[in-house]
Amino acid sequence: MDEKFYKEWFLGFAEGLNRMNEDSRSCMLHCCAIRCADTGVLDSYRNHYKKVGGNRDEFYSRLDKLGGVRGASLCLVKSI
């Protein structure tokens, strides 16, 4: 299957999502997200988290080591 196929498939998928009511769309996307996470993404993040010793700043700043992912740590300061 080529790039054109996937482009057309995703356009149809998006159109179908737009035709669903909010509850149905939420239910379907929730199920998709769980399957996506369970097929390796979650394990990849868990292993990465262990490699950085649980340091959240390191976790996000080194996400690029996983390939195809980027991350950064931000310091938000509340102004008074």
C-alpha atoms as a PDB file:
ATOM      1  CA  MET A   1       0.000   0.000   0.000  1.00  0.00           C
ATOM      2  CA  ASP A   2       1.364   3.348  -0.973  1.00  0.00           C
ATOM      3  CA  GLU A   3       1.219   6.812   0.533  1.00  0.00           C
ATOM      4  CA  LYS A   4      -1.852   7.743  -1.538  1.00  0.00           C
ATOM      5  CA  PHE A   5      -3.781   4.845  -0.027  1.00  0.00           C
ATOM      6  CA  TYR A   6      -3.007   5.939   3.531  1.00  0.00           C
ATOM      7  CA  LYS A   7      -3.787   9.565   2.751  1.00  0.00           C
ATOM      8  CA  GLU A   8      -7.203   8.629   1.362  1.00  0.00           C
ATOM      9  CA  TRP A   9      -7.856   6.191   4.206  1.00  0.00           C
ATOM     10  CA  PHE A  10      -7.110   8.822   6.838  1.00  0.00           C
ATOM     11  CA  LEU A  11      -9.310  11.375   5.069  1.00  0.00           C
ATOM     12  CA  GLY A  12     -12.176   8.889   5.146  1.00  0.00           C
ATOM     13  CA  PHE A  13     -11.453   8.032   8.767  1.00  0.00           C
ATOM     14  CA  ALA A  14     -11.489  11.716   9.735  1.00  0.00           C
ATOM     15  CA  GLU A  15     -14.734  12.256   7.847  1.00  0.00           C
ATOM     16  CA  GLY A  16     -16.304   9.335   9.686  1.00  0.00           C
ATOM     17  CA  LEU A  17     -15.147  10.716  13.035  1.00  0.00           C
ATOM     18  CA  ASN A  18     -16.632  14.106  12.204  1.00  0.00           C
ATOM     19  CA  ARG A  19     -20.002  12.476  11.528  1.00  0.00           C
ATOM     20  CA  MET A  20     -20.087  10.759  14.933  1.00  0.00           C
ATOM     21  CA  ASN A  21     -21.554  12.372  18.019  1.00  0.00           C
ATOM     22  CA  GLU A  22     -19.094  13.312  20.760  1.00  0.00           C
ATOM     23  CA  ASP A  23     -19.799  10.288  22.986  1.00  0.00           C
ATOM     24  CA  SER A  24     -19.385   7.778  20.136  1.00  0.00           C
ATOM     25  CA  ARG A  25     -16.219   9.489  18.889  1.00  0.00           C
ATOM     26  CA  SER A  26     -14.755   9.530  22.403  1.00  0.00           C
ATOM     27  CA  CYS A  27     -15.521   5.837  22.928  1.00  0.00           C
ATOM     28  CA  MET A  28     -13.949   4.802  19.636  1.00  0.00           C
ATOM     29  CA  LEU A  29     -10.818   6.924  20.029  1.00  0.00           C
ATOM     30  CA  HIS A  30     -10.387   5.691  23.607  1.00  0.00           C
ATOM     31  CA  CYS A  31     -10.360   2.084  22.379  1.00  0.00           C
ATOM     32  CA  CYS A  32      -7.904   2.987  19.596  1.00  0.00           C
ATOM     33  CA  ALA A  33      -5.593   4.719  22.080  1.00  0.00           C
ATOM     34  CA  ILE A  34      -5.537   1.694  24.392  1.00  0.00           C
ATOM     35  CA  ARG A  35      -4.656  -0.647  21.501  1.00  0.00           C
ATOM     36  CA  CYS A  36      -1.946   1.741  20.318  1.00  0.00           C
ATOM     37  CA  ALA A  37      -0.393   1.954  23.780  1.00  0.00           C
ATOM     38  CA  ASP A  38      -0.617  -1.792  24.365  1.00  0.00           C
ATOM     39  CA  THR A  39       1.163  -2.681  21.117  1.00  0.00           C
ATOM     40  CA  GLY A  40       4.526  -1.361  22.224  1.00  0.00           C
ATOM     41  CA  VAL A  41       4.392   2.363  22.777  1.00  0.00           C
ATOM     42  CA  LEU A  42       3.757   2.032  26.497  1.00  0.00           C
ATOM     43  CA  ASP A  43       6.560  -0.527  26.966  1.00  0.00           C
ATOM     44  CA  SER A  44       8.942   1.713  25.054  1.00  0.00           C
ATOM     45  CA  TYR A  45       8.146   4.647  27.357  1.00  0.00           C
ATOM     46  CA  ARG A  46       8.422   2.472  30.475  1.00  0.00           C
ATOM     47  CA  ASN A  47      11.844   1.197  29.434  1.00  0.00           C
ATOM     48  CA  HIS A  48      13.003   4.721  28.622  1.00  0.00           C
ATOM     49  CA  TYR A  49      11.764   5.928  32.035  1.00  0.00           C
ATOM     50  CA  LYS A  50      13.778   3.167  33.733  1.00  0.00           C
ATOM     51  CA  LYS A  51      16.905   4.048  31.725  1.00  0.00           C
ATOM     52  CA  VAL A  52      16.797   7.629  32.995  1.00  0.00           C
ATOM     53  CA  GLY A  53      16.295   6.452  36.574  1.00  0.00           C
ATOM     54  CA  GLY A  54      12.815   7.919  36.874  1.00  0.00           C
ATOM     55  CA  ASN A  55      14.032  11.473  36.323  1.00  0.00           C
ATOM     56  CA  ARG A  56      11.161  13.236  34.561  1.00  0.00           C
ATOM     57  CA  ASP A  57      13.281  16.042  33.139  1.00  0.00           C
ATOM     58  CA  GLU A  58      15.681  13.492  31.643  1.00  0.00           C
ATOM     59  CA  PHE A  59      12.766  11.426  30.367  1.00  0.00           C
ATOM     60  CA  TYR A  60      11.405  14.296  28.293  1.00  0.00           C
ATOM     61  CA  SER A  61      14.717  15.787  27.215  1.00  0.00           C
ATOM     62  CA  ARG A  62      15.979  12.403  25.961  1.00  0.00           C
ATOM     63  CA  LEU A  63      12.835  11.267  24.128  1.00  0.00           C
ATOM     64  CA  ASP A  64      14.620  11.807  20.832  1.00  0.00           C
ATOM     65  CA  LYS A  65      16.712   8.728  21.680  1.00  0.00           C
ATOM     66  CA  LEU A  66      13.607   6.606  21.019  1.00  0.00           C
ATOM     67  CA  GLY A  67      13.430   7.771  17.413  1.00  0.00           C
ATOM     68  CA  GLY A  68      10.520   9.628  15.879  1.00  0.00           C
ATOM     69  CA  VAL A  69       9.685  11.357  19.165  1.00  0.00           C
ATOM     70  CA  ARG A  70      10.791  14.642  20.685  1.00  0.00           C
ATOM     71  CA  GLY A  71      10.290  16.145  24.092  1.00  0.00           C
ATOM     72  CA  ALA A  72      11.407  18.976  26.323  1.00  0.00           C
ATOM     73  CA  SER A  73      11.185  20.087  29.912  1.00  0.00           C
ATOM     74  CA  LEU A  74       9.626  23.430  30.606  1.00  0.00           C
ATOM     75  CA  CYS A  75       9.882  25.451  33.755  1.00  0.00           C
ATOM     76  CA  LEU A  76       6.701  27.393  34.317  1.00  0.00           C
ATOM     77  CA  VAL A  77       6.879  30.272  36.751  1.00  0.00           C
ATOM     78  CA  LYS A  78       3.735  31.699  38.249  1.00  0.00           C
ATOM     79  CA  SER A  79       3.849  35.461  38.182  1.00  0.00           C
ATOM     80  CA  ILE A  80       2.474  37.337  41.132  1.00  0.00           C
END
